[in-house]
């Protein structure tokens, strides 16, 4: 019986070592900028040990770097995929949070709601900081991508663009306005005087902005990278 338990322990150690070796091979490929190979090795390491925090972290960092190089659609380097892997690594090993905040590989997801969570911001306490840190996108119902994209400046200015579908040619036009915030409620005003129009949004528990007053527009951090 004792020998049987010993063999089980050896098998478990070999399995864990295999995951570590795959992760090490992946990191070597990463250092050589062989990112597709690195990605594959990190995925294989996680297939061996789903609770391997370092492999989750390395997977997230590699995907984020590939995203920054315009390889999102080829390798599914979506913001949500990256953040899922990163947050899983932090849940398994909280020390990963500090490392991530210092890691330039993650710059491609800095303007997301999820990254604000990684930084420790919450809707309850930091709604305004989240609003100004995130790059916001409107609905994406067709092949043109999001119909609008907005940035809320700390100076109270709103800048962005919107898709104009009124003419014979679809084009993206600039958008400018002002914003105010009370609690979780954000009021965006475009134009001045009698031509002014306003939209009111409430920040949801998950950080997204839902239009109030009968509207249904939802602003998120999702650029819908590969819709076209």
C-alpha atoms as a PDB file:
ATOM      1  CA  UNK A   1       0.000   0.000   0.000  1.00  0.00           C
ATOM      2  CA  UNK A   2       2.823   2.376   0.927  1.00  0.00           C
ATOM      3  CA  UNK A   3       4.508   1.686  -2.422  1.00  0.00           C
ATOM      4  CA  UNK A   4       1.271   2.406  -4.277  1.00  0.00           C
ATOM      5  CA  UNK A   5       0.931   5.810  -2.603  1.00  0.00           C
ATOM      6  CA  UNK A   6       4.575   6.539  -3.420  1.00  0.00           C
ATOM      7  CA  UNK A   7       3.941   5.802  -7.098  1.00  0.00           C
ATOM      8  CA  UNK A   8       0.886   8.081  -7.072  1.00  0.00           C
ATOM      9  CA  UNK A   9       2.962  10.901  -5.584  1.00  0.00           C
ATOM     10  CA  UNK A  10       5.670  10.373  -8.198  1.00  0.00           C
ATOM     11  CA  UNK A  11       3.105  10.491 -10.999  1.00  0.00           C
ATOM     12  CA  UNK A  12       1.644  13.705  -9.589  1.00  0.00           C
ATOM     13  CA  UNK A  13       5.088  15.264  -9.344  1.00  0.00           C
ATOM     14  CA  UNK A  14       5.897  14.272 -12.928  1.00  0.00           C
ATOM     15  CA  UNK A  15       2.618  15.816 -14.113  1.00  0.00           C
ATOM     16  CA  UNK A  16       3.334  19.077 -12.277  1.00  0.00           C
ATOM     17  CA  UNK A  17       6.923  19.124 -13.541  1.00  0.00           C
ATOM     18  CA  UNK A  18       5.653  18.647 -17.062  1.00  0.00           C
ATOM     19  CA  UNK A  19       3.477  21.761 -16.698  1.00  0.00           C
ATOM     20  CA  UNK A  20       6.449  23.704 -15.356  1.00  0.00           C
ATOM     21  CA  UNK A  21       8.632  22.539 -18.217  1.00  0.00           C
ATOM     22  CA  UNK A  22       6.028  23.537 -20.798  1.00  0.00           C
ATOM     23  CA  UNK A  23       5.746  26.953 -19.173  1.00  0.00           C
ATOM     24  CA  UNK A  24       9.552  27.296 -19.236  1.00  0.00           C
ATOM     25  CA  UNK A  25       9.636  26.349 -22.932  1.00  0.00           C
ATOM     26  CA  UNK A  26       6.939  28.923 -23.563  1.00  0.00           C
ATOM     27  CA  UNK A  27       8.878  31.630 -21.770  1.00  0.00           C
ATOM     28  CA  UNK A  28      11.984  30.860 -23.809  1.00  0.00           C
ATOM     29  CA  UNK A  29       9.926  31.248 -26.993  1.00  0.00           C
ATOM     30  CA  UNK A  30       8.466  34.485 -25.608  1.00  0.00           C
ATOM     31  CA  UNK A  31      11.953  35.930 -25.008  1.00  0.00           C
ATOM     32  CA  UNK A  32      12.823  35.112 -28.630  1.00  0.00           C
ATOM     33  CA  UNK A  33       9.629  36.926 -29.732  1.00  0.00           C
ATOM     34  CA  UNK A  34       8.224  33.633 -31.036  1.00  0.00           C
ATOM     35  CA  UNK A  35       4.833  34.527 -29.656  1.00  0.00           C
ATOM     36  CA  UNK A  36       2.580  31.939 -31.368  1.00  0.00           C
ATOM     37  CA  UNK A  37       4.829  29.138 -30.085  1.00  0.00           C
ATOM     38  CA  UNK A  38       4.930  30.695 -26.627  1.00  0.00           C
ATOM     39  CA  UNK A  39       1.156  30.936 -26.587  1.00  0.00           C
ATOM     40  CA  UNK A  40       0.825  27.262 -27.489  1.00  0.00           C
ATOM     41  CA  UNK A  41       3.221  26.176 -24.729  1.00  0.00           C
ATOM     42  CA  UNK A  42       1.422  28.203 -22.064  1.00  0.00           C
ATOM     43  CA  UNK A  43      -1.890  26.691 -23.170  1.00  0.00           C
ATOM     44  CA  UNK A  44      -0.386  23.208 -22.976  1.00  0.00           C
ATOM     45  CA  UNK A  45       0.966  23.945 -19.495  1.00  0.00           C
ATOM     46  CA  UNK A  46      -2.522  24.927 -18.360  1.00  0.00           C
ATOM     47  CA  UNK A  47      -3.962  21.766 -19.886  1.00  0.00           C
ATOM     48  CA  UNK A  48      -1.642  19.911 -17.517  1.00  0.00           C
ATOM     49  CA  UNK A  49      -2.331  22.107 -14.492  1.00  0.00           C
ATOM     50  CA  UNK A  50      -5.277  24.501 -14.673  1.00  0.00           C
ATOM     51  CA  UNK A  51      -4.270  26.038 -11.326  1.00  0.00           C
ATOM     52  CA  UNK A  52      -0.805  27.051 -12.494  1.00  0.00           C
ATOM     53  CA  UNK A  53      -0.864  30.801 -11.762  1.00  0.00           C
ATOM     54  CA  UNK A  54       2.345  31.639 -13.620  1.00  0.00           C
ATOM     55  CA  UNK A  55       1.150  29.975 -16.829  1.00  0.00           C
ATOM     56  CA  UNK A  56      -2.122  31.932 -16.666  1.00  0.00           C
ATOM     57  CA  UNK A  57      -0.103  35.119 -16.213  1.00  0.00           C
ATOM     58  CA  UNK A  58       2.274  34.334 -19.071  1.00  0.00           C
ATOM     59  CA  UNK A  59      -0.657  33.454 -21.320  1.00  0.00           C
ATOM     60  CA  UNK A  60      -2.323  36.793 -20.541  1.00  0.00           C
ATOM     61  CA  UNK A  61       0.886  38.778 -21.071  1.00  0.00           C
ATOM     62  CA  UNK A  62       1.607  37.088 -24.399  1.00  0.00           C
ATOM     63  CA  UNK A  63      -1.926  37.668 -25.684  1.00  0.00           C
ATOM     64  CA  UNK A  64      -1.765  41.316 -24.584  1.00  0.00           C
ATOM     65  CA  UNK A  65       1.521  41.784 -26.420  1.00  0.00           C
ATOM     66  CA  UNK A  66       0.118  40.131 -29.546  1.00  0.00           C
ATOM     67  CA  UNK A  67      -2.899  42.422 -29.299  1.00  0.00           C
ATOM     68  CA  UNK A  68      -0.637  45.467 -29.221  1.00  0.00           C
ATOM     69  CA  UNK A  69       0.985  44.222 -32.432  1.00  0.00           C
ATOM     70  CA  UNK A  70      -2.294  43.980 -34.325  1.00  0.00           C
ATOM     71  CA  UNK A  71      -2.674  40.210 -34.030  1.00  0.00           C
ATOM     72  CA  UNK A  72      -5.962  40.213 -32.129  1.00  0.00           C
ATOM     73  CA  UNK A  73      -8.103  38.425 -34.678  1.00  0.00           C
ATOM     74  CA  UNK A  74      -5.498  35.840 -35.691  1.00  0.00           C
ATOM     75  CA  UNK A  75      -4.937  34.622 -32.122  1.00  0.00           C
ATOM     76  CA  UNK A  76      -8.148  35.608 -30.291  1.00  0.00           C
ATOM     77  CA  UNK A  77      -6.228  38.196 -28.292  1.00  0.00           C
ATOM     78  CA  UNK A  78      -9.419  39.851 -27.098  1.00  0.00           C
ATOM     79  CA  UNK A  79      -9.460  42.119 -24.073  1.00  0.00           C
ATOM     80  CA  UNK A  80     -11.872  39.821 -22.232  1.00  0.00           C
ATOM     81  CA  UNK A  81      -9.709  36.750 -22.909  1.00  0.00           C
ATOM     82  CA  UNK A  82      -6.590  38.496 -21.635  1.00  0.00           C
ATOM     83  CA  UNK A  83      -8.307  39.777 -18.504  1.00  0.00           C
ATOM     84  CA  UNK A  84      -9.850  36.392 -17.719  1.00  0.00           C
ATOM     85  CA  UNK A  85      -6.404  34.776 -17.740  1.00  0.00           C
ATOM     86  CA  UNK A  86      -4.823  37.636 -15.789  1.00  0.00           C
ATOM     87  CA  UNK A  87      -7.507  37.736 -13.107  1.00  0.00           C
ATOM     88  CA  UNK A  88      -7.337  33.952 -12.784  1.00  0.00           C
ATOM     89  CA  UNK A  89      -3.582  34.182 -12.194  1.00  0.00           C
ATOM     90  CA  UNK A  90      -4.135  36.840  -9.511  1.00  0.00           C
ATOM     91  CA  UNK A  91      -6.830  34.771  -7.813  1.00  0.00           C
ATOM     92  CA  UNK A  92      -4.412  31.839  -7.647  1.00  0.00           C
ATOM     93  CA  UNK A  93      -1.413  33.965  -6.650  1.00  0.00           C
ATOM     94  CA  UNK A  94      -2.152  37.512  -5.390  1.00  0.00           C
ATOM     95  CA  UNK A  95       1.496  38.481  -5.915  1.00  0.00           C
ATOM     96  CA  UNK A  96       0.758  38.508  -9.649  1.00  0.00           C
ATOM     97  CA  UNK A  97      -1.224  41.763  -9.246  1.00  0.00           C
ATOM     98  CA  UNK A  98       1.815  43.876  -8.388  1.00  0.00           C
ATOM     99  CA  UNK A  99       3.795  42.283 -11.203  1.00  0.00           C
ATOM    100  CA  UNK A 100       1.015  42.988 -13.710  1.00  0.00           C
ATOM    101  CA  UNK A 101       0.756  46.653 -12.731  1.00  0.00           C
ATOM    102  CA  UNK A 102       4.469  47.051 -13.521  1.00  0.00           C
ATOM    103  CA  UNK A 103       4.405  44.999 -16.722  1.00  0.00           C
ATOM    104  CA  UNK A 104       4.421  46.993 -19.975  1.00  0.00           C
ATOM    105  CA  UNK A 105       3.060  43.968 -21.860  1.00  0.00           C
ATOM    106  CA  UNK A 106      -0.404  44.865 -20.564  1.00  0.00           C
ATOM    107  CA  UNK A 107      -0.536  48.395 -21.986  1.00  0.00           C
ATOM    108  CA  UNK A 108      -2.988  47.241 -24.665  1.00  0.00           C
ATOM    109  CA  UNK A 109      -5.678  46.617 -22.000  1.00  0.00           C
ATOM    110  CA  UNK A 110      -5.050  49.624 -19.751  1.00  0.00           C
ATOM    111  CA  UNK A 111      -8.183  51.416 -21.020  1.00  0.00           C
ATOM    112  CA  UNK A 112     -10.595  48.641 -20.012  1.00  0.00           C
ATOM    113  CA  UNK A 113     -12.987  48.228 -17.107  1.00  0.00           C
ATOM    114  CA  UNK A 114     -11.251  44.985 -16.179  1.00  0.00           C
ATOM    115  CA  UNK A 115      -7.880  46.678 -15.847  1.00  0.00           C
ATOM    116  CA  UNK A 116      -9.402  49.119 -13.379  1.00  0.00           C
ATOM    117  CA  UNK A 117     -10.431  46.087 -11.303  1.00  0.00           C
ATOM    118  CA  UNK A 118      -6.863  44.827 -11.460  1.00  0.00           C
ATOM    119  CA  UNK A 119      -5.752  48.229 -10.147  1.00  0.00           C
ATOM    120  CA  UNK A 120      -8.167  47.813  -7.240  1.00  0.00           C
ATOM    121  CA  UNK A 121     -10.775  50.368  -8.350  1.00  0.00           C
ATOM    122  CA  UNK A 122     -14.439  49.690  -7.603  1.00  0.00           C
ATOM    123  CA  UNK A 123     -17.627  51.242  -8.967  1.00  0.00           C
ATOM    124  CA  UNK A 124     -18.769  52.028  -5.426  1.00  0.00           C
ATOM    125  CA  UNK A 125     -15.702  54.111  -4.571  1.00  0.00           C
ATOM    126  CA  UNK A 126     -14.043  55.069  -7.855  1.00  0.00           C
ATOM    127  CA  UNK A 127     -16.776  55.562 -10.476  1.00  0.00           C
ATOM    128  CA  UNK A 128     -15.301  58.855 -11.703  1.00  0.00           C
ATOM    129  CA  UNK A 129     -11.798  57.412 -12.021  1.00  0.00           C
ATOM    130  CA  UNK A 130     -13.148  54.453 -13.971  1.00  0.00           C
ATOM    131  CA  UNK A 131     -15.117  56.765 -16.258  1.00  0.00           C
ATOM    132  CA  UNK A 132     -12.051  58.807 -17.238  1.00  0.00           C
ATOM    133  CA  UNK A 133      -9.678  55.821 -17.527  1.00  0.00           C
ATOM    134  CA  UNK A 134     -11.740  53.705 -19.922  1.00  0.00           C
ATOM    135  CA  UNK A 135     -12.099  54.039 -23.703  1.00  0.00           C
ATOM    136  CA  UNK A 136     -15.841  53.663 -24.262  1.00  0.00           C
ATOM    137  CA  UNK A 137     -17.640  52.157 -27.251  1.00  0.00           C
ATOM    138  CA  UNK A 138     -21.270  52.148 -28.287  1.00  0.00           C
ATOM    139  CA  UNK A 139     -23.293  49.283 -29.791  1.00  0.00           C
ATOM    140  CA  UNK A 140     -21.869  47.402 -32.749  1.00  0.00           C
ATOM    141  CA  UNK A 141     -24.885  46.121 -34.713  1.00  0.00           C
ATOM    142  CA  UNK A 142     -23.276  45.673 -38.108  1.00  0.00           C
ATOM    143  CA  UNK A 143     -20.089  45.488 -40.109  1.00  0.00           C
ATOM    144  CA  UNK A 144     -18.956  49.021 -39.249  1.00  0.00           C
ATOM    145  CA  UNK A 145     -17.846  48.230 -35.724  1.00  0.00           C
ATOM    146  CA  UNK A 146     -19.078  50.328 -32.779  1.00  0.00           C
ATOM    147  CA  UNK A 147     -21.364  53.155 -33.852  1.00  0.00           C
ATOM    148  CA  UNK A 148     -19.617  55.499 -31.419  1.00  0.00           C
ATOM    149  CA  UNK A 149     -16.481  55.749 -29.329  1.00  0.00           C
ATOM    150  CA  UNK A 150     -15.916  58.234 -26.503  1.00  0.00           C
ATOM    151  CA  UNK A 151     -13.295  59.403 -24.033  1.00  0.00           C
ATOM    152  CA  UNK A 152     -14.243  61.314 -20.892  1.00  0.00           C
ATOM    153  CA  UNK A 153     -11.489  63.773 -20.022  1.00  0.00           C
ATOM    154  CA  UNK A 154     -10.696  64.721 -16.447  1.00  0.00           C
ATOM    155  CA  UNK A 155     -11.345  68.334 -17.483  1.00  0.00           C
ATOM    156  CA  UNK A 156     -15.023  67.562 -18.167  1.00  0.00           C
ATOM    157  CA  UNK A 157     -14.665  67.362 -21.943  1.00  0.00           C
ATOM    158  CA  UNK A 158     -15.982  64.501 -24.085  1.00  0.00           C
ATOM    159  CA  UNK A 159     -14.254  63.619 -27.340  1.00  0.00           C
ATOM    160  CA  UNK A 160     -14.706  60.796 -29.786  1.00  0.00           C
ATOM    161  CA  UNK A 161     -16.421  59.884 -33.018  1.00  0.00           C
ATOM    162  CA  UNK A 162     -19.625  58.388 -34.385  1.00  0.00           C
ATOM    163  CA  UNK A 163     -20.615  56.553 -37.537  1.00  0.00           C
ATOM    164  CA  UNK A 164     -22.804  58.692 -39.820  1.00  0.00           C
ATOM    165  CA  UNK A 165     -25.272  56.506 -41.718  1.00  0.00           C
ATOM    166  CA  UNK A 166     -27.474  59.310 -43.051  1.00  0.00           C
ATOM    167  CA  UNK A 167     -25.752  59.923 -46.380  1.00  0.00           C
ATOM    168  CA  UNK A 168     -24.899  57.811 -49.388  1.00  0.00           C
ATOM    169  CA  UNK A 169     -21.461  57.153 -47.946  1.00  0.00           C
ATOM    170  CA  UNK A 170     -20.884  55.760 -44.470  1.00  0.00           C
ATOM    171  CA  UNK A 171     -18.357  57.879 -42.639  1.00  0.00           C
ATOM    172  CA  UNK A 172     -17.070  58.491 -39.131  1.00  0.00           C
ATOM    173  CA  UNK A 173     -17.489  62.031 -37.824  1.00  0.00           C
ATOM    174  CA  UNK A 174     -15.938  63.707 -34.765  1.00  0.00           C
ATOM    175  CA  UNK A 175     -17.955  64.109 -31.574  1.00  0.00           C
ATOM    176  CA  UNK A 176     -17.352  66.723 -28.869  1.00  0.00           C
ATOM    177  CA  UNK A 177     -19.233  67.615 -25.718  1.00  0.00           C
ATOM    178  CA  UNK A 178     -19.120  68.014 -21.953  1.00  0.00           C
ATOM    179  CA  UNK A 179     -19.891  65.690 -19.081  1.00  0.00           C
ATOM    180  CA  UNK A 180     -20.841  65.870 -15.446  1.00  0.00           C
ATOM    181  CA  UNK A 181     -21.202  63.068 -12.920  1.00  0.00           C
ATOM    182  CA  UNK A 182     -23.169  62.726  -9.702  1.00  0.00           C
ATOM    183  CA  UNK A 183     -22.770  59.428  -7.944  1.00  0.00           C
ATOM    184  CA  UNK A 184     -23.036  56.863 -10.707  1.00  0.00           C
ATOM    185  CA  UNK A 185     -25.078  59.061 -13.072  1.00  0.00           C
ATOM    186  CA  UNK A 186     -23.242  60.619 -16.020  1.00  0.00           C
ATOM    187  CA  UNK A 187     -24.805  63.404 -18.088  1.00  0.00           C
ATOM    188  CA  UNK A 188     -23.255  64.062 -21.495  1.00  0.00           C
ATOM    189  CA  UNK A 189     -24.194  67.271 -23.302  1.00  0.00           C
ATOM    190  CA  UNK A 190     -23.508  67.918 -26.979  1.00  0.00           C
ATOM    191  CA  UNK A 191     -23.890  71.357 -28.553  1.00  0.00           C
ATOM    192  CA  UNK A 192     -24.894  74.597 -26.862  1.00  0.00           C
ATOM    193  CA  UNK A 193     -28.000  76.708 -26.312  1.00  0.00           C
ATOM    194  CA  UNK A 194     -31.175  75.594 -28.047  1.00  0.00           C
ATOM    195  CA  UNK A 195     -29.208  73.068 -30.083  1.00  0.00           C
ATOM    196  CA  UNK A 196     -27.900  71.299 -26.991  1.00  0.00           C
ATOM    197  CA  UNK A 197     -28.908  67.687 -26.446  1.00  0.00           C
ATOM    198  CA  UNK A 198     -28.100  65.450 -23.542  1.00  0.00           C
ATOM    199  CA  UNK A 199     -27.758  61.748 -22.849  1.00  0.00           C
ATOM    200  CA  UNK A 200     -27.844  60.345 -19.339  1.00  0.00           C
ATOM    201  CA  UNK A 201     -26.104  57.113 -18.357  1.00  0.00           C
ATOM    202  CA  UNK A 202     -25.853  55.175 -15.117  1.00  0.00           C
ATOM    203  CA  UNK A 203     -22.741  53.153 -14.326  1.00  0.00           C
ATOM    204  CA  UNK A 204     -23.769  49.569 -13.641  1.00  0.00           C
ATOM    205  CA  UNK A 205     -22.262  47.288 -11.014  1.00  0.00           C
ATOM    206  CA  UNK A 206     -20.031  45.770 -13.704  1.00  0.00           C
ATOM    207  CA  UNK A 207     -18.781  49.220 -14.755  1.00  0.00           C
ATOM    208  CA  UNK A 208     -20.677  49.556 -18.030  1.00  0.00           C
ATOM    209  CA  UNK A 209     -22.780  52.649 -18.805  1.00  0.00           C
ATOM    210  CA  UNK A 210     -26.490  52.116 -19.484  1.00  0.00           C
ATOM    211  CA  UNK A 211     -28.503  54.971 -20.982  1.00  0.00           C
ATOM    212  CA  UNK A 212     -31.413  56.192 -18.866  1.00  0.00           C
ATOM    213  CA  UNK A 213     -34.626  58.025 -19.709  1.00  0.00           C
ATOM    214  CA  UNK A 214     -36.055  55.478 -22.112  1.00  0.00           C
ATOM    215  CA  UNK A 215     -32.850  54.943 -24.031  1.00  0.00           C
ATOM    216  CA  UNK A 216     -31.222  51.560 -24.359  1.00  0.00           C
ATOM    217  CA  UNK A 217     -27.700  52.398 -25.498  1.00  0.00           C
ATOM    218  CA  UNK A 218     -24.985  50.589 -23.585  1.00  0.00           C
ATOM    219  CA  UNK A 219     -21.450  51.936 -23.515  1.00  0.00           C
ATOM    220  CA  UNK A 220     -18.774  49.322 -22.864  1.00  0.00           C
ATOM    221  CA  UNK A 221     -15.022  48.921 -23.227  1.00  0.00           C
ATOM    222  CA  UNK A 222     -15.425  46.447 -26.106  1.00  0.00           C
ATOM    223  CA  UNK A 223     -14.159  47.757 -29.479  1.00  0.00           C
ATOM    224  CA  UNK A 224     -15.585  44.689 -31.254  1.00  0.00           C
ATOM    225  CA  UNK A 225     -12.192  44.150 -32.888  1.00  0.00           C
ATOM    226  CA  UNK A 226     -13.063  41.570 -35.509  1.00  0.00           C
ATOM    227  CA  UNK A 227     -16.616  42.442 -36.554  1.00  0.00           C
ATOM    228  CA  UNK A 228     -15.762  43.729 -40.037  1.00  0.00           C
END
